[in-house]
């Protein structure tokens, strides 16, 4: 069996997965698209934080106890609720910089959005 002659492919410095992404990484995204993506990501993180807060209330009203007894048990109070608080704080801290930038520079953000919609 003879080896296939592929010039340049035998001396790869990067894994093949990164080589497939190079055309995508080389293109620069417009500033408006980046801003939209950041605001959407911040909204997703804020929704995740709200979900963790609602999960805490669900733990308090759960019926997972023996015989279907309602209420929070030891592990709920001492492990799961504090873990939900940590996850909530992490989600809010992840979204906070983007939300602050959007609030401070909201007019510039809207001007960028409307620039593509106007003719001339």
Protein backbone atom coordinates (compact mmCIF):
# COMPACT_ATOMS: atom_id res chain seq x y z
CA UNK A 1 0.00 0.00 0.00
CA UNK A 2 1.48 3.32 -1.05
CA UNK A 3 0.96 6.48 1.01
CA UNK A 4 -1.23 9.20 -0.45
CA UNK A 5 0.71 12.30 -1.44
CA UNK A 6 -0.93 15.24 0.36
CA UNK A 7 1.49 18.14 0.39
CA UNK A 8 1.49 20.02 3.67
CA UNK A 9 -0.86 17.69 5.52
CA UNK A 10 1.84 15.50 7.01
CA UNK A 11 3.32 18.38 9.03
CA UNK A 12 0.27 19.78 10.80
CA UNK A 13 0.94 22.04 13.75
CA UNK A 14 -2.72 22.25 14.77
CA UNK A 15 -5.35 19.60 15.34
CA UNK A 16 -7.73 19.00 12.42
CA UNK A 17 -10.67 20.45 14.33
CA UNK A 18 -8.99 23.85 14.53
CA UNK A 19 -8.05 23.71 10.85
CA UNK A 20 -11.71 23.30 9.95
CA UNK A 21 -12.59 26.42 11.97
CA UNK A 22 -9.91 28.68 10.48
CA UNK A 23 -12.13 30.09 7.70
CA UNK A 24 -14.76 30.99 10.31
CA UNK A 25 -12.24 32.53 12.69
CA UNK A 26 -10.65 34.63 9.94
CA UNK A 27 -13.87 36.54 9.23
CA UNK A 28 -14.50 39.55 11.42
CA UNK A 29 -18.00 40.05 12.73
CA UNK A 30 -19.61 43.49 12.60
CA UNK A 31 -19.82 45.37 15.88
CA UNK A 32 -23.63 45.21 15.89
CA UNK A 33 -23.67 41.43 15.72
CA UNK A 34 -21.17 41.19 18.58
CA UNK A 35 -23.29 43.54 20.69
CA UNK A 36 -26.44 41.52 20.00
CA UNK A 37 -24.68 38.29 20.89
CA UNK A 38 -23.39 39.74 24.16
CA UNK A 39 -26.80 41.08 25.18
CA UNK A 40 -28.46 37.75 24.31
CA UNK A 41 -25.83 35.88 26.32
CA UNK A 42 -26.43 38.20 29.29
CA UNK A 43 -30.18 37.57 29.03
CA UNK A 44 -29.57 33.82 29.02
CA UNK A 45 -27.40 34.09 32.15
CA UNK A 46 -30.02 36.22 33.91
CA UNK A 47 -32.69 33.65 33.03
CA UNK A 48 -30.46 30.89 34.40
CA UNK A 49 -30.11 32.84 37.63
CA UNK A 50 -33.89 33.25 37.86
CA UNK A 51 -34.30 29.52 37.23
CA UNK A 52 -32.00 28.71 40.16
CA UNK A 53 -34.01 31.03 42.43
CA UNK A 54 -37.21 29.26 41.42
CA UNK A 55 -35.54 25.89 42.02
CA UNK A 56 -34.94 26.92 45.64
CA UNK A 57 -38.68 27.46 46.14
CA UNK A 58 -39.36 24.12 44.52
CA UNK A 59 -37.04 22.41 47.02
CA UNK A 60 -38.94 23.93 49.94
CA UNK A 61 -42.27 22.65 48.61
CA UNK A 62 -41.03 19.27 47.38
CA UNK A 63 -42.68 15.97 48.31
CA UNK A 64 -39.53 13.88 48.16
CA UNK A 65 -39.67 12.91 51.81
CA UNK A 66 -40.70 9.52 53.15
CA UNK A 67 -44.33 8.83 52.49
CA UNK A 68 -44.61 11.92 50.29
CA UNK A 69 -44.10 14.30 53.21
CA UNK A 70 -43.87 17.90 52.06
CA UNK A 71 -41.01 20.23 52.94
CA UNK A 72 -37.28 20.71 52.77
CA UNK A 73 -35.11 18.00 54.26
CA UNK A 74 -31.60 18.22 55.70
CA UNK A 75 -29.74 17.94 52.40
CA UNK A 76 -32.09 20.45 50.80
CA UNK A 77 -31.46 23.05 53.49
CA UNK A 78 -27.74 22.46 54.04
CA UNK A 79 -26.50 21.51 50.57
CA UNK A 80 -28.87 22.11 47.70
CA UNK A 81 -30.25 25.55 48.61
CA UNK A 82 -26.75 27.00 49.24
CA UNK A 83 -25.59 25.45 45.96
CA UNK A 84 -28.53 27.12 44.18
CA UNK A 85 -27.52 30.44 45.77
CA UNK A 86 -23.96 30.04 44.49
CA UNK A 87 -25.21 29.21 40.99
CA UNK A 88 -27.52 32.23 41.07
CA UNK A 89 -24.69 34.53 42.12
CA UNK A 90 -22.41 33.11 39.41
CA UNK A 91 -25.04 33.66 36.71
CA UNK A 92 -25.67 37.23 37.82
CA UNK A 93 -21.94 37.99 38.02
CA UNK A 94 -21.46 36.58 34.52
CA UNK A 95 -24.22 38.79 33.13
CA UNK A 96 -23.45 41.95 35.13
CA UNK A 97 -20.61 43.42 32.98
CA UNK A 98 -22.61 43.10 29.77
CA UNK A 99 -25.75 44.56 31.33
CA UNK A 100 -23.77 47.49 32.79
CA UNK A 101 -22.12 48.26 29.46
CA UNK A 102 -25.48 48.08 27.71
CA UNK A 103 -27.08 50.41 30.26
CA UNK A 104 -24.22 52.91 30.06
CA UNK A 105 -23.88 52.84 26.26
CA UNK A 106 -27.51 52.11 25.33
CA UNK A 107 -27.82 55.10 23.02
CA UNK A 108 -24.78 54.00 21.00
CA UNK A 109 -26.20 50.50 20.85
CA UNK A 110 -29.53 51.73 19.49
CA UNK A 111 -27.79 54.06 17.02
CA UNK A 112 -25.88 51.05 15.68
CA UNK A 113 -29.08 49.05 15.39
CA UNK A 114 -30.89 51.76 13.51
CA UNK A 115 -27.97 52.60 11.21
CA UNK A 116 -28.59 49.51 9.12
CA UNK A 117 -32.31 50.18 8.88
CA UNK A 118 -32.09 53.68 7.41
CA UNK A 119 -31.64 54.29 3.71
CA UNK A 120 -29.15 56.77 2.37
